[in-house]
């Protein structure tokens, strides 16, 4: 038996590796799914004042975490602009660990799909939401619970196959 132990360990690790390779790294489970979205109050970048998620209670909405220094955010931004023009639900842009001037210039250049743009200058709200990096997008239901989290750029396919169905369920 002792003689086969290294072989058994090798096959055990190979099975675990094989299972790991079948998983989608963009679908990391979030412990926040089904739980109330963390509350915060942050400065708005689009207008003077502050924003709190409680202002959107009773509506399903998207929270998109982005930054001007994020190259993948450039990829998803036209999709977000299209979504904002075509659908009637709020998209809140959480500008993550960025300079206000850079974020405003970035939106002026590329268009602003967000109903509200808020500044998470030190990334504390991002930590509360379990953000691994940018971009990330959360679907929040009308009761204020996180119902879905997408890691990576939003594409038309991701919106159609994942985010829109979750938003439609979240609105019920």
Foldseek 3Di string as FASTA:
>chain_A
DVVCVVVVVVVVVVVVVVVVVVDDPQADDDPQAPHFQDWDWFAFLVDGDIDICVVQQLAKEKEWEEELVDPLCVVQLVVLQVCLVPDPGFYEYEHAQYDSVSVVVSCVVRPDSGPIYGYPNHCPSVVSRVPPDPTKMFIAANNRGTNDIGHTHDDPCCCVPPVVVVNVVSND
